[in-house]
PDB file of N, CA and C in Angstrom:
ATOM      1  N   MET A   1    -142.179-110.225 -26.081  1.00  0.00           N
ATOM      2  CA  MET A   1    -142.684-108.914 -25.663  1.00  0.00           C
ATOM      3  C   MET A   1    -141.571-107.885 -25.811  1.00  0.00           C
ATOM      4  N   ASP A   2    -141.941-106.725 -26.254  1.00  0.00           N
ATOM      5  CA  ASP A   2    -140.962-105.662 -26.477  1.00  0.00           C
ATOM      6  C   ASP A   2    -140.430-105.145 -25.146  1.00  0.00           C
ATOM      7  N   PRO A   3    -139.103-105.108 -24.960  1.00  0.00           N
ATOM      8  CA  PRO A   3    -138.549-104.647 -23.682  1.00  0.00           C
ATOM      9  C   PRO A   3    -138.894-103.199 -23.380  1.00  0.00           C
ATOM     10  N   GLY A   4    -139.173-102.401 -24.417  1.00  0.00           N
ATOM     11  CA  GLY A   4    -139.469-100.993 -24.190  1.00  0.00           C
ATOM     12  C   GLY A   4    -140.877-100.750 -23.677  1.00  0.00           C
ATOM     13  N   THR A   5    -141.738-101.755 -23.739  1.00  0.00           N
ATOM     14  CA  THR A   5    -143.135-101.559 -23.368  1.00  0.00           C
ATOM     15  C   THR A   5    -143.318-101.139 -21.911  1.00  0.00           C
ATOM     16  N   PRO A   6    -142.649-101.809 -20.930  1.00  0.00           N
ATOM     17  CA  PRO A   6    -142.854-101.378 -19.539  1.00  0.00           C
ATOM     18  C   PRO A   6    -142.441 -99.924 -19.321  1.00  0.00           C
ATOM     19  N   ASP A   7    -141.349 -99.474 -19.991  1.00  0.00           N
ATOM     20  CA  ASP A   7    -140.920 -98.081 -19.841  1.00  0.00           C
ATOM     21  C   ASP A   7    -141.968 -97.139 -20.414  1.00  0.00           C
ATOM     22  N   LEU A   8    -142.540 -97.493 -21.576  1.00  0.00           N
ATOM     23  CA  LEU A   8    -143.578 -96.649 -22.177  1.00  0.00           C
ATOM     24  C   LEU A   8    -144.789 -96.580 -21.259  1.00  0.00           C
ATOM     25  N   VAL A   9    -145.204 -97.725 -20.733  1.00  0.00           N
ATOM     26  CA  VAL A   9    -146.359 -97.753 -19.836  1.00  0.00           C
ATOM     27  C   VAL A   9    -146.052 -96.973 -18.566  1.00  0.00           C
ATOM     28  N   GLY A  10    -144.821 -97.173 -18.028  1.00  0.00           N
ATOM     29  CA  GLY A  10    -144.445 -96.481 -16.800  1.00  0.00           C
ATOM     30  C   GLY A  10    -144.417 -94.980 -16.984  1.00  0.00           C
ATOM     31  N   SER A  11    -143.866 -94.512 -18.121  1.00  0.00           N
ATOM     32  CA  SER A  11    -143.805 -93.068 -18.348  1.00  0.00           C
ATOM     33  C   SER A  11    -145.207 -92.516 -18.580  1.00  0.00           C
ATOM     34  N   ALA A  12    -146.076 -93.313 -19.197  1.00  0.00           N
ATOM     35  CA  ALA A  12    -147.454 -92.877 -19.409  1.00  0.00           C
ATOM     36  C   ALA A  12    -148.180 -92.757 -18.068  1.00  0.00           C
ATOM     37  N   LEU A  13    -147.837 -93.631 -17.117  1.00  0.00           N
ATOM     38  CA  LEU A  13    -148.464 -93.588 -15.797  1.00  0.00           C
ATOM     39  C   LEU A  13    -147.754 -92.619 -14.864  1.00  0.00           C
ATOM     40  N   GLY A  14    -146.643 -92.032 -15.326  1.00  0.00           N
ATOM     41  CA  GLY A  14    -145.906 -91.096 -14.491  1.00  0.00           C
ATOM     42  C   GLY A  14    -144.932 -91.786 -13.553  1.00  0.00           C
ATOM     43  N   LEU A  15    -144.652 -93.070 -13.814  1.00  0.00           N
ATOM     44  CA  LEU A  15    -143.689 -93.797 -12.985  1.00  0.00           C
ATOM     45  C   LEU A  15    -142.347 -93.818 -13.694  1.00  0.00           C
ATOM     46  N   ASP A  16    -141.273 -93.908 -12.922  1.00  0.00           N
ATOM     47  CA  ASP A  16    -139.972 -94.062 -13.574  1.00  0.00           C
ATOM     48  C   ASP A  16    -139.787 -95.529 -13.970  1.00  0.00           C
ATOM     49  N   GLY A  17    -138.870 -95.788 -14.878  1.00  0.00           N
ATOM     50  CA  GLY A  17    -138.691 -97.139 -15.405  1.00  0.00           C
ATOM     51  C   GLY A  17    -137.866 -98.041 -14.519  1.00  0.00           C
ATOM     52  N   LYS A  18    -137.540 -97.594 -13.299  1.00  0.00           N
ATOM     53  CA  LYS A  18    -136.660 -98.399 -12.452  1.00  0.00           C
ATOM     54  C   LYS A  18    -137.390 -99.551 -11.778  1.00  0.00           C
ATOM     55  N   ALA A  19    -138.691 -99.398 -11.529  1.00  0.00           N
ATOM     56  CA  ALA A  19    -139.413-100.408 -10.757  1.00  0.00           C
ATOM     57  C   ALA A  19    -139.339-101.803 -11.391  1.00  0.00           C
ATOM     58  N   PRO A  20    -139.588-101.965 -12.708  1.00  0.00           N
ATOM     59  CA  PRO A  20    -139.494-103.312 -13.294  1.00  0.00           C
ATOM     60  C   PRO A  20    -138.087-103.879 -13.175  1.00  0.00           C
ATOM     61  N   LEU A  21    -137.064-103.035 -13.314  1.00  0.00           N
ATOM     62  CA  LEU A  21    -135.686-103.506 -13.228  1.00  0.00           C
ATOM     63  C   LEU A  21    -135.369-103.979 -11.819  1.00  0.00           C
ATOM     64  N   GLN A  22    -135.815-103.220 -10.816  1.00  0.00           N
ATOM     65  CA  GLN A  22    -135.572-103.621  -9.431  1.00  0.00           C
ATOM     66  C   GLN A  22    -136.307-104.919  -9.112  1.00  0.00           C
ATOM     67  N   ARG A  23    -137.533-105.078  -9.654  1.00  0.00           N
ATOM     68  CA  ARG A  23    -138.288-106.298  -9.414  1.00  0.00           C
ATOM     69  C   ARG A  23    -137.586-107.483 -10.054  1.00  0.00           C
ATOM     70  N   ALA A  24    -137.052-107.285 -11.267  1.00  0.00           N
ATOM     71  CA  ALA A  24    -136.344-108.369 -11.946  1.00  0.00           C
ATOM     72  C   ALA A  24    -135.073-108.726 -11.187  1.00  0.00           C
ATOM     73  N   ARG A  25    -134.364-107.706 -10.701  1.00  0.00           N
ATOM     74  CA  ARG A  25    -133.130-107.971  -9.954  1.00  0.00           C
ATOM     75  C   ARG A  25    -133.448-108.721  -8.669  1.00  0.00           C
ATOM     76  N   PHE A  26    -134.530-108.337  -7.979  1.00  0.00           N
ATOM     77  CA  PHE A  26    -134.935-109.020  -6.752  1.00  0.00           C
ATOM     78  C   PHE A  26    -135.264-110.481  -7.053  1.00  0.00           C
ATOM     79  N   GLY A  27    -135.993-110.725  -8.154  1.00  0.00           N
ATOM     80  CA  GLY A  27    -136.327-112.094  -8.533  1.00  0.00           C
ATOM     81  C   GLY A  27    -135.078-112.913  -8.816  1.00  0.00           C
ATOM     82  N   ALA A  28    -134.090-112.306  -9.472  1.00  0.00           N
ATOM     83  CA  ALA A  28    -132.847-113.017  -9.774  1.00  0.00           C
ATOM     84  C   ALA A  28    -132.101-113.363  -8.493  1.00  0.00           C
ATOM     85  N   VAL A  29    -132.089-112.437  -7.534  1.00  0.00           N
ATOM     86  CA  VAL A  29    -131.401-112.692  -6.263  1.00  0.00           C
ATOM     87  C   VAL A  29    -132.075-113.835  -5.513  1.00  0.00           C
ATOM     88  N   VAL A  30    -133.401-113.826  -5.473  1.00  0.00           N
ATOM     89  CA  VAL A  30    -134.135-114.893  -4.781  1.00  0.00           C
ATOM     90  C   VAL A  30    -133.877-116.235  -5.460  1.00  0.00           C
ATOM     91  N   TYR A  31    -133.866-116.242  -6.802  1.00  0.00           N
ATOM     92  CA  TYR A  31    -133.610-117.474  -7.544  1.00  0.00           C
ATOM     93  C   TYR A  31    -132.216-118.008  -7.231  1.00  0.00           C
ATOM     94  N   LEU A  32    -131.215-117.125  -7.256  1.00  0.00           N
ATOM     95  CA  LEU A  32    -129.843-117.556  -6.958  1.00  0.00           C
ATOM     96  C   LEU A  32    -129.744-118.094  -5.538  1.00  0.00           C
ATOM     97  N   LYS A  33    -130.419-117.451  -4.597  1.00  0.00           N
ATOM     98  CA  LYS A  33    -130.381-117.906  -3.210  1.00  0.00           C
ATOM     99  C   LYS A  33    -130.977-119.306  -3.097  1.00  0.00           C
ATOM    100  N   ASN A  34    -132.077-119.557  -3.800  1.00  0.00           N
ATOM    101  CA  ASN A  34    -132.689-120.881  -3.766  1.00  0.00           C
ATOM    102  C   ASN A  34    -131.760-121.927  -4.354  1.00  0.00           C
ATOM    103  N   VAL A  35    -131.087-121.602  -5.463  1.00  0.00           N
ATOM    104  CA  VAL A  35    -130.163-122.544  -6.095  1.00  0.00           C
ATOM    105  C   VAL A  35    -129.011-122.870  -5.152  1.00  0.00           C
ATOM    106  N   ILE A  36    -128.449-121.843  -4.526  1.00  0.00           N
ATOM    107  CA  ILE A  36    -127.316-122.059  -3.617  1.00  0.00           C
ATOM    108  C   ILE A  36    -127.760-122.865  -2.403  1.00  0.00           C
ATOM    109  N   ASP A  37    -128.928-122.558  -1.852  1.00  0.00           N
ATOM    110  CA  ASP A  37    -129.420-123.291  -0.688  1.00  0.00           C
ATOM    111  C   ASP A  37    -129.623-124.763  -1.012  1.00  0.00           C
ATOM    112  N   SER A  38    -130.226-125.064  -2.166  1.00  0.00           N
ATOM    113  CA  SER A  38    -130.456-126.463  -2.528  1.00  0.00           C
ATOM    114  C   SER A  38    -129.129-127.181  -2.768  1.00  0.00           C
ATOM    115  N   TYR A  39    -128.148-126.484  -3.354  1.00  0.00           N
ATOM    116  CA  TYR A  39    -126.827-127.076  -3.579  1.00  0.00           C
ATOM    117  C   TYR A  39    -126.151-127.392  -2.245  1.00  0.00           C
ATOM    118  N   LEU A  40    -126.189-126.450  -1.308  1.00  0.00           N
ATOM    119  CA  LEU A  40    -125.566-126.679  -0.004  1.00  0.00           C
ATOM    120  C   LEU A  40    -126.267-127.814   0.729  1.00  0.00           C
ATOM    121  N   LEU A  41    -127.579-127.884   0.615  1.00  0.00           N
ATOM    122  CA  LEU A  41    -128.327-128.958   1.269  1.00  0.00           C
ATOM    123  C   LEU A  41    -127.918-130.307   0.694  1.00  0.00           C
ATOM    124  N   ARG A  42    -127.762-130.382  -0.640  1.00  0.00           N
ATOM    125  CA  ARG A  42    -127.372-131.624  -1.292  1.00  0.00           C
ATOM    126  C   ARG A  42    -125.973-132.043  -0.835  1.00  0.00           C
ATOM    127  N   VAL A  43    -125.051-131.078  -0.756  1.00  0.00           N
ATOM    128  CA  VAL A  43    -123.683-131.382  -0.316  1.00  0.00           C
ATOM    129  C   VAL A  43    -123.695-131.879   1.127  1.00  0.00           C
ATOM    130  N   ARG A  44    -124.511-131.258   1.971  1.00  0.00           N
ATOM    131  CA  ARG A  44    -124.576-131.642   3.376  1.00  0.00           C
ATOM    132  C   ARG A  44    -125.133-133.054   3.522  1.00  0.00           C
ATOM    133  N   LEU A  45    -126.121-133.397   2.691  1.00  0.00           N
ATOM    134  CA  LEU A  45    -126.732-134.723   2.790  1.00  0.00           C
ATOM    135  C   LEU A  45    -125.787-135.817   2.300  1.00  0.00           C
ATOM    136  N   GLN A  46    -124.862-135.482   1.412  1.00  0.00           N
ATOM    137  CA  GLN A  46    -123.965-136.501   0.870  1.00  0.00           C
ATOM    138  C   GLN A  46    -122.899-136.923   1.879  1.00  0.00           C
ATOM    139  N   ARG A  47    -122.623-136.090   2.882  1.00  0.00           N
ATOM    140  CA  ARG A  47    -121.573-136.434   3.846  1.00  0.00           C
ATOM    141  C   ARG A  47    -122.038-137.474   4.845  1.00  0.00           C
TER     142      ARG A  47
END
């Protein structure tokens, strides 16, 4: 999918292009948190 498409759609709808970026950043943060939590849980169980 073309990366420019959400910006074109957003500008056509009168929205700024920041919303998809913020949503992607939020998803990345949640993913990293899950990875770190599972890693810490694994380390704790090994002791």
